[in-house]
Amino acid sequence: MINNTDITNSFIKAWCDLDIEAIMDHFTEDAVYANIPLGPPNVGKADIQAFIEGFLGGAKEVNFIVHNQLEGPDGMVMNERTDILDLATGRVELPVMGVFEFESGKIKAWRDYFDLSAFS
């Protein structure tokens, strides 16, 4: 049986493969994606896809290295990871705390917490 940890791992693989279609297949239609230090969340698949396409448009490589991950009794998944981003502007190693909530086997909410100064 697939659990939410498996779904999260599949989602991370889609990012590492730079596969926008596979990334988007993991979201509910009304999902919410928030990069906490970047302002208001992206709401709905179209808004999320536009953000991700803009972000990945300059990416040569993305690698999410998960250091710790847990799934709570309510199915929420939290992970501590380092996102290694090889972007047009340079390489960034970003410590991240991610929180994923699910509905019917899809990501309903995704929040990433990180220090924006890593991009300077």
PDB file of N, CA and C in Angstrom:
ATOM      1  N   MET A   1       0.842  -1.184   0.000  1.00  0.00           N
ATOM      2  CA  MET A   1       0.000   0.000   0.000  1.00  0.00           C
ATOM      3  C   MET A   1       0.888   1.250   0.000  1.00  0.00           C
ATOM      4  N   ILE A   2       0.564   2.199  -0.855  1.00  0.00           N
ATOM      5  CA  ILE A   2       1.328   3.443  -0.942  1.00  0.00           C
ATOM      6  C   ILE A   2       0.896   4.365   0.198  1.00  0.00           C
ATOM      7  N   ASN A   3       1.894   4.907   0.907  1.00  0.00           N
ATOM      8  CA  ASN A   3       1.589   5.858   1.970  1.00  0.00           C
ATOM      9  C   ASN A   3       2.068   7.241   1.542  1.00  0.00           C
ATOM     10  N   ASN A   4       1.823   8.221   2.372  1.00  0.00           N
ATOM     11  CA  ASN A   4       2.176   9.589   2.011  1.00  0.00           C
ATOM     12  C   ASN A   4       3.688   9.812   1.940  1.00  0.00           C
ATOM     13  N   THR A   5       4.450   9.027   2.675  1.00  0.00           N
ATOM     14  CA  THR A   5       5.908   9.100   2.554  1.00  0.00           C
ATOM     15  C   THR A   5       6.340   8.683   1.151  1.00  0.00           C
ATOM     16  N   ASP A   6       5.726   7.621   0.636  1.00  0.00           N
ATOM     17  CA  ASP A   6       6.036   7.173  -0.729  1.00  0.00           C
ATOM     18  C   ASP A   6       5.669   8.243  -1.751  1.00  0.00           C
ATOM     19  N   ILE A   7       4.529   8.900  -1.553  1.00  0.00           N
ATOM     20  CA  ILE A   7       4.104   9.962  -2.467  1.00  0.00           C
ATOM     21  C   ILE A   7       5.100  11.116  -2.422  1.00  0.00           C
ATOM     22  N   THR A   8       5.537  11.475  -1.216  1.00  0.00           N
ATOM     23  CA  THR A   8       6.529  12.549  -1.068  1.00  0.00           C
ATOM     24  C   THR A   8       7.829  12.171  -1.763  1.00  0.00           C
ATOM     25  N   ASN A   9       8.273  10.940  -1.604  1.00  0.00           N
ATOM     26  CA  ASN A   9       9.508  10.499  -2.259  1.00  0.00           C
ATOM     27  C   ASN A   9       9.367  10.527  -3.779  1.00  0.00           C
ATOM     28  N   SER A  10       8.213  10.153  -4.291  1.00  0.00           N
ATOM     29  CA  SER A  10       7.965  10.214  -5.738  1.00  0.00           C
ATOM     30  C   SER A  10       7.979  11.664  -6.216  1.00  0.00           C
ATOM     31  N   PHE A  11       7.399  12.551  -5.434  1.00  0.00           N
ATOM     32  CA  PHE A  11       7.379  13.987  -5.742  1.00  0.00           C
ATOM     33  C   PHE A  11       8.805  14.543  -5.799  1.00  0.00           C
ATOM     34  N   ILE A  12       9.620  14.177  -4.833  1.00  0.00           N
ATOM     35  CA  ILE A  12      11.017  14.633  -4.803  1.00  0.00           C
ATOM     36  C   ILE A  12      11.765  14.111  -6.034  1.00  0.00           C
ATOM     37  N   LYS A  13      11.522  12.864  -6.406  1.00  0.00           N
ATOM     38  CA  LYS A  13      12.167  12.315  -7.600  1.00  0.00           C
ATOM     39  C   LYS A  13      11.778  13.111  -8.842  1.00  0.00           C
ATOM     40  N   ALA A  14      10.506  13.495  -8.943  1.00  0.00           N
ATOM     41  CA  ALA A  14      10.055  14.288 -10.100  1.00  0.00           C
ATOM     42  C   ALA A  14      10.807  15.616 -10.161  1.00  0.00           C
ATOM     43  N   TRP A  15      11.050  16.245  -9.012  1.00  0.00           N
ATOM     44  CA  TRP A  15      11.844  17.477  -8.982  1.00  0.00           C
ATOM     45  C   TRP A  15      13.259  17.221  -9.466  1.00  0.00           C
ATOM     46  N   CYS A  16      13.870  16.154  -8.968  1.00  0.00           N
ATOM     47  CA  CYS A  16      15.254  15.839  -9.357  1.00  0.00           C
ATOM     48  C   CYS A  16      15.353  15.499 -10.836  1.00  0.00           C
ATOM     49  N   ASP A  17      14.274  14.985 -11.414  1.00  0.00           N
ATOM     50  CA  ASP A  17      14.221  14.675 -12.844  1.00  0.00           C
ATOM     51  C   ASP A  17      13.843  15.895 -13.684  1.00  0.00           C
ATOM     52  N   LEU A  18      13.546  17.027 -13.025  1.00  0.00           N
ATOM     53  CA  LEU A  18      13.085  18.255 -13.698  1.00  0.00           C
ATOM     54  C   LEU A  18      11.858  17.978 -14.571  1.00  0.00           C
ATOM     55  N   ASP A  19      10.960  17.125 -14.066  1.00  0.00           N
ATOM     56  CA  ASP A  19       9.779  16.673 -14.802  1.00  0.00           C
ATOM     57  C   ASP A  19       8.544  17.415 -14.289  1.00  0.00           C
ATOM     58  N   ILE A  20       8.230  18.546 -14.916  1.00  0.00           N
ATOM     59  CA  ILE A  20       7.126  19.383 -14.453  1.00  0.00           C
ATOM     60  C   ILE A  20       5.796  18.630 -14.489  1.00  0.00           C
ATOM     61  N   GLU A  21       5.571  17.838 -15.516  1.00  0.00           N
ATOM     62  CA  GLU A  21       4.316  17.086 -15.604  1.00  0.00           C
ATOM     63  C   GLU A  21       4.171  16.134 -14.418  1.00  0.00           C
ATOM     64  N   ALA A  22       5.231  15.428 -14.101  1.00  0.00           N
ATOM     65  CA  ALA A  22       5.184  14.503 -12.958  1.00  0.00           C
ATOM     66  C   ALA A  22       5.042  15.264 -11.643  1.00  0.00           C
ATOM     67  N   ILE A  23       5.714  16.401 -11.519  1.00  0.00           N
ATOM     68  CA  ILE A  23       5.562  17.225 -10.317  1.00  0.00           C
ATOM     69  C   ILE A  23       4.095  17.595 -10.145  1.00  0.00           C
ATOM     70  N   MET A  24       3.494  18.103 -11.200  1.00  0.00           N
ATOM     71  CA  MET A  24       2.119  18.599 -11.123  1.00  0.00           C
ATOM     72  C   MET A  24       1.108  17.479 -10.883  1.00  0.00           C
ATOM     73  N   ASP A  25       1.414  16.273 -11.327  1.00  0.00           N
ATOM     74  CA  ASP A  25       0.518  15.133 -11.105  1.00  0.00           C
ATOM     75  C   ASP A  25       0.353  14.813  -9.615  1.00  0.00           C
ATOM     76  N   HIS A  26       1.234  15.314  -8.778  1.00  0.00           N
ATOM     77  CA  HIS A  26       1.177  15.036  -7.345  1.00  0.00           C
ATOM     78  C   HIS A  26       0.232  15.963  -6.577  1.00  0.00           C
ATOM     79  N   PHE A  27      -0.279  17.012  -7.206  1.00  0.00           N
ATOM     80  CA  PHE A  27      -1.103  18.003  -6.517  1.00  0.00           C
ATOM     81  C   PHE A  27      -2.597  17.790  -6.744  1.00  0.00           C
ATOM     82  N   THR A  28      -3.398  18.148  -5.730  1.00  0.00           N
ATOM     83  CA  THR A  28      -4.841  18.259  -5.917  1.00  0.00           C
ATOM     84  C   THR A  28      -5.101  19.527  -6.743  1.00  0.00           C
ATOM     85  N   GLU A  29      -6.281  19.632  -7.309  1.00  0.00           N
ATOM     86  CA  GLU A  29      -6.618  20.811  -8.130  1.00  0.00           C
ATOM     87  C   GLU A  29      -6.569  22.110  -7.326  1.00  0.00           C
ATOM     88  N   ASP A  30      -6.938  22.043  -6.055  1.00  0.00           N
ATOM     89  CA  ASP A  30      -7.004  23.244  -5.217  1.00  0.00           C
ATOM     90  C   ASP A  30      -5.829  23.342  -4.227  1.00  0.00           C
ATOM     91  N   ALA A  31      -4.722  22.699  -4.550  1.00  0.00           N
ATOM     92  CA  ALA A  31      -3.562  22.676  -3.649  1.00  0.00           C
ATOM     93  C   ALA A  31      -3.035  24.083  -3.373  1.00  0.00           C
ATOM     94  N   VAL A  32      -2.311  24.176  -2.272  1.00  0.00           N
ATOM     95  CA  VAL A  32      -1.662  25.418  -1.872  1.00  0.00           C
ATOM     96  C   VAL A  32      -0.178  25.124  -1.673  1.00  0.00           C
ATOM     97  N   TYR A  33       0.674  25.948  -2.298  1.00  0.00           N
ATOM     98  CA  TYR A  33       2.135  25.804  -2.189  1.00  0.00           C
ATOM     99  C   TYR A  33       2.695  27.115  -1.684  1.00  0.00           C
ATOM    100  N   ALA A  34       3.371  27.059  -0.539  1.00  0.00           N
ATOM    101  CA  ALA A  34       3.923  28.271   0.059  1.00  0.00           C
ATOM    102  C   ALA A  34       5.413  28.115   0.319  1.00  0.00           C
ATOM    103  N   ASN A  35       6.186  28.987  -0.302  1.00  0.00           N
ATOM    104  CA  ASN A  35       7.581  29.188   0.073  1.00  0.00           C
ATOM    105  C   ASN A  35       7.528  30.315   1.103  1.00  0.00           C
ATOM    106  N   ILE A  36       7.593  29.973   2.349  1.00  0.00           N
ATOM    107  CA  ILE A  36       7.261  30.893   3.432  1.00  0.00           C
ATOM    108  C   ILE A  36       7.962  32.252   3.317  1.00  0.00           C
ATOM    109  N   PRO A  37       9.265  32.329   3.030  1.00  0.00           N
ATOM    110  CA  PRO A  37       9.866  33.670   2.992  1.00  0.00           C
ATOM    111  C   PRO A  37       9.568  34.467   1.722  1.00  0.00           C
ATOM    112  N   LEU A  38       8.890  33.871   0.749  1.00  0.00           N
ATOM    113  CA  LEU A  38       8.681  34.543  -0.530  1.00  0.00           C
ATOM    114  C   LEU A  38       7.340  35.244  -0.665  1.00  0.00           C
ATOM    115  N   GLY A  39       6.535  35.249   0.370  1.00  0.00           N
ATOM    116  CA  GLY A  39       5.282  35.989   0.257  1.00  0.00           C
ATOM    117  C   GLY A  39       4.073  35.103   0.160  1.00  0.00           C
ATOM    118  N   PRO A  40       3.022  35.605  -0.494  1.00  0.00           N
ATOM    119  CA  PRO A  40       1.763  34.856  -0.494  1.00  0.00           C
ATOM    120  C   PRO A  40       1.910  33.507  -1.195  1.00  0.00           C
ATOM    121  N   PRO A  41       1.122  32.530  -0.752  1.00  0.00           N
ATOM    122  CA  PRO A  41       1.202  31.194  -1.358  1.00  0.00           C
ATOM    123  C   PRO A  41       0.632  31.165  -2.769  1.00  0.00           C
ATOM    124  N   ASN A  42       1.024  30.155  -3.493  1.00  0.00           N
ATOM    125  CA  ASN A  42       0.450  29.857  -4.806  1.00  0.00           C
ATOM    126  C   ASN A  42      -0.749  28.946  -4.555  1.00  0.00           C
ATOM    127  N   VAL A  43      -1.902  29.304  -5.104  1.00  0.00           N
ATOM    128  CA  VAL A  43      -3.142  28.574  -4.834  1.00  0.00           C
ATOM    129  C   VAL A  43      -3.701  28.017  -6.134  1.00  0.00           C
ATOM    130  N   GLY A  44      -3.943  26.712  -6.145  1.00  0.00           N
ATOM    131  CA  GLY A  44      -4.475  26.035  -7.327  1.00  0.00           C
ATOM    132  C   GLY A  44      -3.353  25.566  -8.243  1.00  0.00           C
ATOM    133  N   LYS A  45      -3.636  24.506  -8.991  1.00  0.00           N
ATOM    134  CA  LYS A  45      -2.609  23.900  -9.837  1.00  0.00           C
ATOM    135  C   LYS A  45      -2.045  24.863 -10.879  1.00  0.00           C
ATOM    136  N   ALA A  46      -2.880  25.686 -11.482  1.00  0.00           N
ATOM    137  CA  ALA A  46      -2.385  26.601 -12.520  1.00  0.00           C
ATOM    138  C   ALA A  46      -1.374  27.587 -11.934  1.00  0.00           C
ATOM    139  N   ASP A  47      -1.675  28.141 -10.771  1.00  0.00           N
ATOM    140  CA  ASP A  47      -0.782  29.087 -10.116  1.00  0.00           C
ATOM    141  C   ASP A  47       0.517  28.402  -9.685  1.00  0.00           C
ATOM    142  N   ILE A  48       0.384  27.210  -9.131  1.00  0.00           N
ATOM    143  CA  ILE A  48       1.567  26.446  -8.706  1.00  0.00           C
ATOM    144  C   ILE A  48       2.431  26.115  -9.914  1.00  0.00           C
ATOM    145  N   GLN A  49       1.812  25.669 -10.991  1.00  0.00           N
ATOM    146  CA  GLN A  49       2.580  25.306 -12.192  1.00  0.00           C
ATOM    147  C   GLN A  49       3.312  26.510 -12.771  1.00  0.00           C
ATOM    148  N   ALA A  50       2.671  27.652 -12.812  1.00  0.00           N
ATOM    149  CA  ALA A  50       3.324  28.859 -13.334  1.00  0.00           C
ATOM    150  C   ALA A  50       4.561  29.202 -12.495  1.00  0.00           C
ATOM    151  N   PHE A  51       4.436  29.090 -11.180  1.00  0.00           N
ATOM    152  CA  PHE A  51       5.581  29.369 -10.309  1.00  0.00           C
ATOM    153  C   PHE A  51       6.708  28.367 -10.556  1.00  0.00           C
ATOM    154  N   ILE A  52       6.370  27.077 -10.580  1.00  0.00           N
ATOM    155  CA  ILE A  52       7.386  26.038 -10.754  1.00  0.00           C
ATOM    156  C   ILE A  52       8.052  26.149 -12.122  1.00  0.00           C
ATOM    157  N   GLU A  53       7.281  26.406 -13.171  1.00  0.00           N
ATOM    158  CA  GLU A  53       7.864  26.565 -14.506  1.00  0.00           C
ATOM    159  C   GLU A  53       8.833  27.746 -14.528  1.00  0.00           C
ATOM    160  N   GLY A  54       8.468  28.839 -13.897  1.00  0.00           N
ATOM    161  CA  GLY A  54       9.366  29.991 -13.826  1.00  0.00           C
ATOM    162  C   GLY A  54      10.639  29.673 -13.074  1.00  0.00           C
ATOM    163  N   PHE A  55      10.502  28.925 -11.999  1.00  0.00           N
ATOM    164  CA  PHE A  55      11.660  28.554 -11.181  1.00  0.00           C
ATOM    165  C   PHE A  55      12.558  27.572 -11.924  1.00  0.00           C
ATOM    166  N   LEU A  56      11.970  26.533 -12.489  1.00  0.00           N
ATOM    167  CA  LEU A  56      12.763  25.499 -13.167  1.00  0.00           C
ATOM    168  C   LEU A  56      13.266  25.947 -14.534  1.00  0.00           C
ATOM    169  N   GLY A  57      12.709  27.027 -15.062  1.00  0.00           N
ATOM    170  CA  GLY A  57      13.148  27.519 -16.364  1.00  0.00           C
ATOM    171  C   GLY A  57      14.635  27.835 -16.398  1.00  0.00           C
ATOM    172  N   GLY A  58      15.185  28.259 -15.286  1.00  0.00           N
ATOM    173  CA  GLY A  58      16.603  28.573 -15.214  1.00  0.00           C
ATOM    174  C   GLY A  58      17.430  27.494 -14.536  1.00  0.00           C
ATOM    175  N   ALA A  59      16.822  26.354 -14.246  1.00  0.00           N
ATOM    176  CA  ALA A  59      17.535  25.299 -13.512  1.00  0.00           C
ATOM    177  C   ALA A  59      18.232  24.332 -14.458  1.00  0.00           C
ATOM    178  N   LYS A  60      19.492  24.089 -14.163  1.00  0.00           N
ATOM    179  CA  LYS A  60      20.243  23.061 -14.890  1.00  0.00           C
ATOM    180  C   LYS A  60      20.136  21.721 -14.169  1.00  0.00           C
ATOM    181  N   GLU A  61      20.049  21.803 -12.838  1.00  0.00           N
ATOM    182  CA  GLU A  61      19.967  20.599 -12.019  1.00  0.00           C
ATOM    183  C   GLU A  61      19.307  20.941 -10.689  1.00  0.00           C
ATOM    184  N   VAL A  62      18.504  20.009 -10.199  1.00  0.00           N
ATOM    185  CA  VAL A  62      17.888  20.128  -8.883  1.00  0.00           C
ATOM    186  C   VAL A  62      18.088  18.797  -8.174  1.00  0.00           C
ATOM    187  N   ASN A  63      18.526  18.860  -6.936  1.00  0.00           N
ATOM    188  CA  ASN A  63      18.686  17.647  -6.143  1.00  0.00           C
ATOM    189  C   ASN A  63      18.200  17.940  -4.734  1.00  0.00           C
ATOM    190  N   PHE A  64      17.186  17.209  -4.288  1.00  0.00           N
ATOM    191  CA  PHE A  64      16.694  17.331  -2.921  1.00  0.00           C
ATOM    192  C   PHE A  64      17.300  16.177  -2.124  1.00  0.00           C
ATOM    193  N   ILE A  65      18.135  16.493  -1.155  1.00  0.00           N
ATOM    194  CA  ILE A  65      18.734  15.477  -0.304  1.00  0.00           C
ATOM    195  C   ILE A  65      17.971  15.479   1.021  1.00  0.00           C
ATOM    196  N   VAL A  66      17.239  14.415   1.284  1.00  0.00           N
ATOM    197  CA  VAL A  66      16.441  14.309   2.501  1.00  0.00           C
ATOM    198  C   VAL A  66      17.315  13.728   3.605  1.00  0.00           C
ATOM    199  N   HIS A  67      17.417  14.475   4.695  1.00  0.00           N
ATOM    200  CA  HIS A  67      18.215  14.035   5.846  1.00  0.00           C
ATOM    201  C   HIS A  67      17.346  13.292   6.855  1.00  0.00           C
ATOM    202  N   ASN A  68      16.159  13.801   7.096  1.00  0.00           N
ATOM    203  CA  ASN A  68      15.209  13.188   8.021  1.00  0.00           C
ATOM    204  C   ASN A  68      13.810  13.398   7.469  1.00  0.00           C
ATOM    205  N   GLN A  69      12.983  12.371   7.627  1.00  0.00           N
ATOM    206  CA  GLN A  69      11.603  12.476   7.143  1.00  0.00           C
ATOM    207  C   GLN A  69      10.716  11.634   8.044  1.00  0.00           C
ATOM    208  N   LEU A  70       9.538  12.170   8.342  1.00  0.00           N
ATOM    209  CA  LEU A  70       8.592  11.407   9.146  1.00  0.00           C
ATOM    210  C   LEU A  70       7.181  11.646   8.658  1.00  0.00           C
ATOM    211  N   GLU A  71       6.354  10.635   8.890  1.00  0.00           N
ATOM    212  CA  GLU A  71       4.929  10.744   8.580  1.00  0.00           C
ATOM    213  C   GLU A  71       4.167  10.606   9.880  1.00  0.00           C
ATOM    214  N   GLY A  72       3.353  11.602  10.192  1.00  0.00           N
ATOM    215  CA  GLY A  72       2.569  11.592  11.423  1.00  0.00           C
ATOM    216  C   GLY A  72       1.348  10.702  11.303  1.00  0.00           C
ATOM    217  N   PRO A  73       0.687  10.465  12.413  1.00  0.00           N
ATOM    218  CA  PRO A  73      -0.499   9.604  12.403  1.00  0.00           C
ATOM    219  C   PRO A  73      -1.638  10.150  11.546  1.00  0.00           C
ATOM    220  N   ASP A  74      -1.642  11.470  11.293  1.00  0.00           N
ATOM    221  CA  ASP A  74      -2.671  12.070  10.445  1.00  0.00           C
ATOM    222  C   ASP A  74      -2.286  12.055   8.970  1.00  0.00           C
ATOM    223  N   GLY A  75      -1.090  11.508   8.658  1.00  0.00           N
ATOM    224  CA  GLY A  75      -0.637  11.409   7.274  1.00  0.00           C
ATOM    225  C   GLY A  75       0.211  12.573   6.807  1.00  0.00           C
ATOM    226  N   MET A  76       0.374  13.604   7.636  1.00  0.00           N
ATOM    227  CA  MET A  76       1.240  14.720   7.265  1.00  0.00           C
ATOM    228  C   MET A  76       2.681  14.216   7.204  1.00  0.00           C
ATOM    229  N   VAL A  77       3.418  14.677   6.199  1.00  0.00           N
ATOM    230  CA  VAL A  77       4.833  14.324   6.062  1.00  0.00           C
ATOM    231  C   VAL A  77       5.663  15.586   6.267  1.00  0.00           C
ATOM    232  N   MET A  78       6.718  15.442   7.061  1.00  0.00           N
ATOM    233  CA  MET A  78       7.667  16.547   7.273  1.00  0.00           C
ATOM    234  C   MET A  78       9.050  16.025   6.935  1.00  0.00           C
ATOM    235  N   ASN A  79       9.822  16.868   6.246  1.00  0.00           N
ATOM    236  CA  ASN A  79      11.198  16.456   5.983  1.00  0.00           C
ATOM    237  C   ASN A  79      12.165  17.617   6.168  1.00  0.00           C
ATOM    238  N   GLU A  80      13.351  17.235   6.609  1.00  0.00           N
ATOM    239  CA  GLU A  80      14.489  18.142   6.708  1.00  0.00           C
ATOM    240  C   GLU A  80      15.397  17.758   5.551  1.00  0.00           C
ATOM    241  N   ARG A  81      15.722  18.742   4.722  1.00  0.00           N
ATOM    242  CA  ARG A  81      16.497  18.395   3.534  1.00  0.00           C
ATOM    243  C   ARG A  81      17.403  19.548   3.131  1.00  0.00           C
ATOM    244  N   THR A  82      18.301  19.238   2.225  1.00  0.00           N
ATOM    245  CA  THR A  82      19.102  20.256   1.563  1.00  0.00           C
ATOM    246  C   THR A  82      18.733  20.211   0.091  1.00  0.00           C
ATOM    247  N   ASP A  83      18.247  21.332  -0.413  1.00  0.00           N
ATOM    248  CA  ASP A  83      17.936  21.451  -1.835  1.00  0.00           C
ATOM    249  C   ASP A  83      19.158  22.040  -2.524  1.00  0.00           C
ATOM    250  N   ILE A  84      19.738  21.286  -3.436  1.00  0.00           N
ATOM    251  CA  ILE A  84      20.882  21.765  -4.212  1.00  0.00           C
ATOM    252  C   ILE A  84      20.348  22.182  -5.569  1.00  0.00           C
ATOM    253  N   LEU A  85      20.484  23.467  -5.840  1.00  0.00           N
ATOM    254  CA  LEU A  85      19.901  24.062  -7.041  1.00  0.00           C
ATOM    255  C   LEU A  85      21.011  24.633  -7.903  1.00  0.00           C
ATOM    256  N   ASP A  86      21.152  24.109  -9.102  1.00  0.00           N
ATOM    257  CA  ASP A  86      22.111  24.646 -10.070  1.00  0.00           C
ATOM    258  C   ASP A  86      21.306  25.513 -11.032  1.00  0.00           C
ATOM    259  N   LEU A  87      21.297  26.818 -10.746  1.00  0.00           N
ATOM    260  CA  LEU A  87      20.475  27.774 -11.483  1.00  0.00           C
ATOM    261  C   LEU A  87      21.338  28.618 -12.404  1.00  0.00           C
ATOM    262  N   ALA A  88      20.705  29.348 -13.288  1.00  0.00           N
ATOM    263  CA  ALA A  88      21.424  30.246 -14.197  1.00  0.00           C
ATOM    264  C   ALA A  88      22.241  31.270 -13.411  1.00  0.00           C
ATOM    265  N   THR A  89      21.762  31.621 -12.215  1.00  0.00           N
ATOM    266  CA  THR A  89      22.443  32.617 -11.380  1.00  0.00           C
ATOM    267  C   THR A  89      23.536  32.010 -10.511  1.00  0.00           C
ATOM    268  N   GLY A  90      23.686  30.689 -10.528  1.00  0.00           N
ATOM    269  CA  GLY A  90      24.709  30.018  -9.738  1.00  0.00           C
ATOM    270  C   GLY A  90      24.129  28.859  -8.944  1.00  0.00           C
ATOM    271  N   ARG A  91      24.998  28.223  -8.213  1.00  0.00           N
ATOM    272  CA  ARG A  91      24.623  27.051  -7.415  1.00  0.00           C
ATOM    273  C   ARG A  91      24.258  27.489  -5.997  1.00  0.00           C
ATOM    274  N   VAL A  92      23.170  26.919  -5.490  1.00  0.00           N
ATOM    275  CA  VAL A  92      22.707  27.218  -4.142  1.00  0.00           C
ATOM    276  C   VAL A  92      22.482  25.905  -3.403  1.00  0.00           C
ATOM    277  N   GLU A  93      22.976  25.834  -2.172  1.00  0.00           N
ATOM    278  CA  GLU A  93      22.660  24.716  -1.280  1.00  0.00           C
ATOM    279  C   GLU A  93      21.792  25.287  -0.174  1.00  0.00           C
ATOM    280  N   LEU A  94      20.532  24.883  -0.160  1.00  0.00           N
ATOM    281  CA  LEU A  94      19.519  25.512   0.666  1.00  0.00           C
ATOM    282  C   LEU A  94      18.980  24.544   1.714  1.00  0.00           C
ATOM    283  N   PRO A  95      19.280  24.772   2.996  1.00  0.00           N
ATOM    284  CA  PRO A  95      18.643  23.959   4.039  1.00  0.00           C
ATOM    285  C   PRO A  95      17.142  24.294   4.088  1.00  0.00           C
ATOM    286  N   VAL A  96      16.303  23.249   4.078  1.00  0.00           N
ATOM    287  CA  VAL A  96      14.855  23.432   3.988  1.00  0.00           C
ATOM    288  C   VAL A  96      14.158  22.507   4.981  1.00  0.00           C
ATOM    289  N   MET A  97      13.054  23.005   5.520  1.00  0.00           N
ATOM    290  CA  MET A  97      12.105  22.182   6.272  1.00  0.00           C
ATOM    291  C   MET A  97      10.821  22.175   5.473  1.00  0.00           C
ATOM    292  N   GLY A  98      10.374  21.014   5.034  1.00  0.00           N
ATOM    293  CA  GLY A  98       9.179  20.896   4.214  1.00  0.00           C
ATOM    294  C   GLY A  98       8.042  20.218   4.965  1.00  0.00           C
ATOM    295  N   VAL A  99       6.834  20.699   4.730  1.00  0.00           N
ATOM    296  CA  VAL A  99       5.634  20.140   5.337  1.00  0.00           C
ATOM    297  C   VAL A  99       4.637  19.841   4.211  1.00  0.00           C
ATOM    298  N   PHE A 100       4.123  18.612   4.193  1.00  0.00           N
ATOM    299  CA  PHE A 100       3.213  18.163   3.140  1.00  0.00           C
ATOM    300  C   PHE A 100       1.931  17.614   3.767  1.00  0.00           C
ATOM    301  N   GLU A 101       0.791  18.107   3.286  1.00  0.00           N
ATOM    302  CA  GLU A 101      -0.506  17.590   3.697  1.00  0.00           C
ATOM    303  C   GLU A 101      -1.176  16.966   2.475  1.00  0.00           C
ATOM    304  N   PHE A 102      -1.976  15.933   2.705  1.00  0.00           N
ATOM    305  CA  PHE A 102      -2.502  15.129   1.604  1.00  0.00           C
ATOM    306  C   PHE A 102      -4.019  14.979   1.657  1.00  0.00           C
ATOM    307  N   GLU A 103      -4.571  14.722   0.467  1.00  0.00           N
ATOM    308  CA  GLU A 103      -5.987  14.395   0.327  1.00  0.00           C
ATOM    309  C   GLU A 103      -6.118  13.424  -0.840  1.00  0.00           C
ATOM    310  N   SER A 104      -6.654  12.273  -0.587  1.00  0.00           N
ATOM    311  CA  SER A 104      -6.901  11.263  -1.629  1.00  0.00           C
ATOM    312  C   SER A 104      -5.653  10.951  -2.453  1.00  0.00           C
ATOM    313  N   GLY A 105      -4.523  10.806  -1.772  1.00  0.00           N
ATOM    314  CA  GLY A 105      -3.286  10.406  -2.436  1.00  0.00           C
ATOM    315  C   GLY A 105      -2.568  11.506  -3.196  1.00  0.00           C
ATOM    316  N   LYS A 106      -2.970  12.755  -2.994  1.00  0.00           N
ATOM    317  CA  LYS A 106      -2.340  13.898  -3.665  1.00  0.00           C
ATOM    318  C   LYS A 106      -1.938  14.936  -2.615  1.00  0.00           C
ATOM    319  N   ILE A 107      -0.982  15.797  -2.984  1.00  0.00           N
ATOM    320  CA  ILE A 107      -0.558  16.866  -2.090  1.00  0.00           C
ATOM    321  C   ILE A 107      -1.617  17.967  -2.110  1.00  0.00           C
ATOM    322  N   LYS A 108      -2.160  18.251  -0.945  1.00  0.00           N
ATOM    323  CA  LYS A 108      -3.180  19.296  -0.776  1.00  0.00           C
ATOM    324  C   LYS A 108      -2.525  20.612  -0.345  1.00  0.00           C
ATOM    325  N   ALA A 109      -1.441  20.510   0.422  1.00  0.00           N
ATOM    326  CA  ALA A 109      -0.712  21.696   0.880  1.00  0.00           C
ATOM    327  C   ALA A 109       0.764  21.338   1.019  1.00  0.00           C
ATOM    328  N   TRP A 110       1.608  22.269   0.576  1.00  0.00           N
ATOM    329  CA  TRP A 110       3.065  22.095   0.691  1.00  0.00           C
ATOM    330  C   TRP A 110       3.637  23.425   1.142  1.00  0.00           C
ATOM    331  N   ARG A 111       4.363  23.380   2.253  1.00  0.00           N
ATOM    332  CA  ARG A 111       5.027  24.565   2.775  1.00  0.00           C
ATOM    333  C   ARG A 111       6.504  24.272   2.953  1.00  0.00           C
ATOM    334  N   ASP A 112       7.340  25.150   2.423  1.00  0.00           N
ATOM    335  CA  ASP A 112       8.786  25.059   2.627  1.00  0.00           C
ATOM    336  C   ASP A 112       9.246  26.255   3.433  1.00  0.00           C
ATOM    337  N   TYR A 113      10.039  25.973   4.452  1.00  0.00           N
ATOM    338  CA  TYR A 113      10.614  26.992   5.326  1.00  0.00           C
ATOM    339  C   TYR A 113      12.122  27.013   5.103  1.00  0.00           C
ATOM    340  N   PHE A 114      12.666  28.180   4.780  1.00  0.00           N
ATOM    341  CA  PHE A 114      14.100  28.308   4.543  1.00  0.00           C
ATOM    342  C   PHE A 114      14.516  29.761   4.723  1.00  0.00           C
ATOM    343  N   ASP A 115      15.819  29.962   4.778  1.00  0.00           N
ATOM    344  CA  ASP A 115      16.378  31.307   4.934  1.00  0.00           C
ATOM    345  C   ASP A 115      16.693  31.857   3.554  1.00  0.00           C
ATOM    346  N   LEU A 116      16.004  32.908   3.184  1.00  0.00           N
ATOM    347  CA  LEU A 116      16.140  33.509   1.862  1.00  0.00           C
ATOM    348  C   LEU A 116      17.558  34.048   1.607  1.00  0.00           C
ATOM    349  N   SER A 117      18.324  34.315   2.640  1.00  0.00           N
ATOM    350  CA  SER A 117      19.671  34.866   2.458  1.00  0.00           C
ATOM    351  C   SER A 117      20.602  33.892   1.750  1.00  0.00           C
ATOM    352  N   ALA A 118      20.233  32.623   1.669  1.00  0.00           N
ATOM    353  CA  ALA A 118      21.048  31.638   0.942  1.00  0.00           C
ATOM    354  C   ALA A 118      21.158  31.987  -0.542  1.00  0.00           C
ATOM    355  N   PHE A 119      20.208  32.769  -1.050  1.00  0.00           N
ATOM    356  CA  PHE A 119      20.210  33.139  -2.466  1.00  0.00           C
ATOM    357  C   PHE A 119      21.040  34.387  -2.754  1.00  0.00           C
ATOM    358  N   SER A 120      21.619  35.002  -1.716  1.00  0.00           N
ATOM    359  CA  SER A 120      22.399  36.231  -1.962  1.00  0.00           C
ATOM    360  C   SER A 120      23.877  35.967  -2.068  1.00  0.00           C
TER     361      SER A 120
END
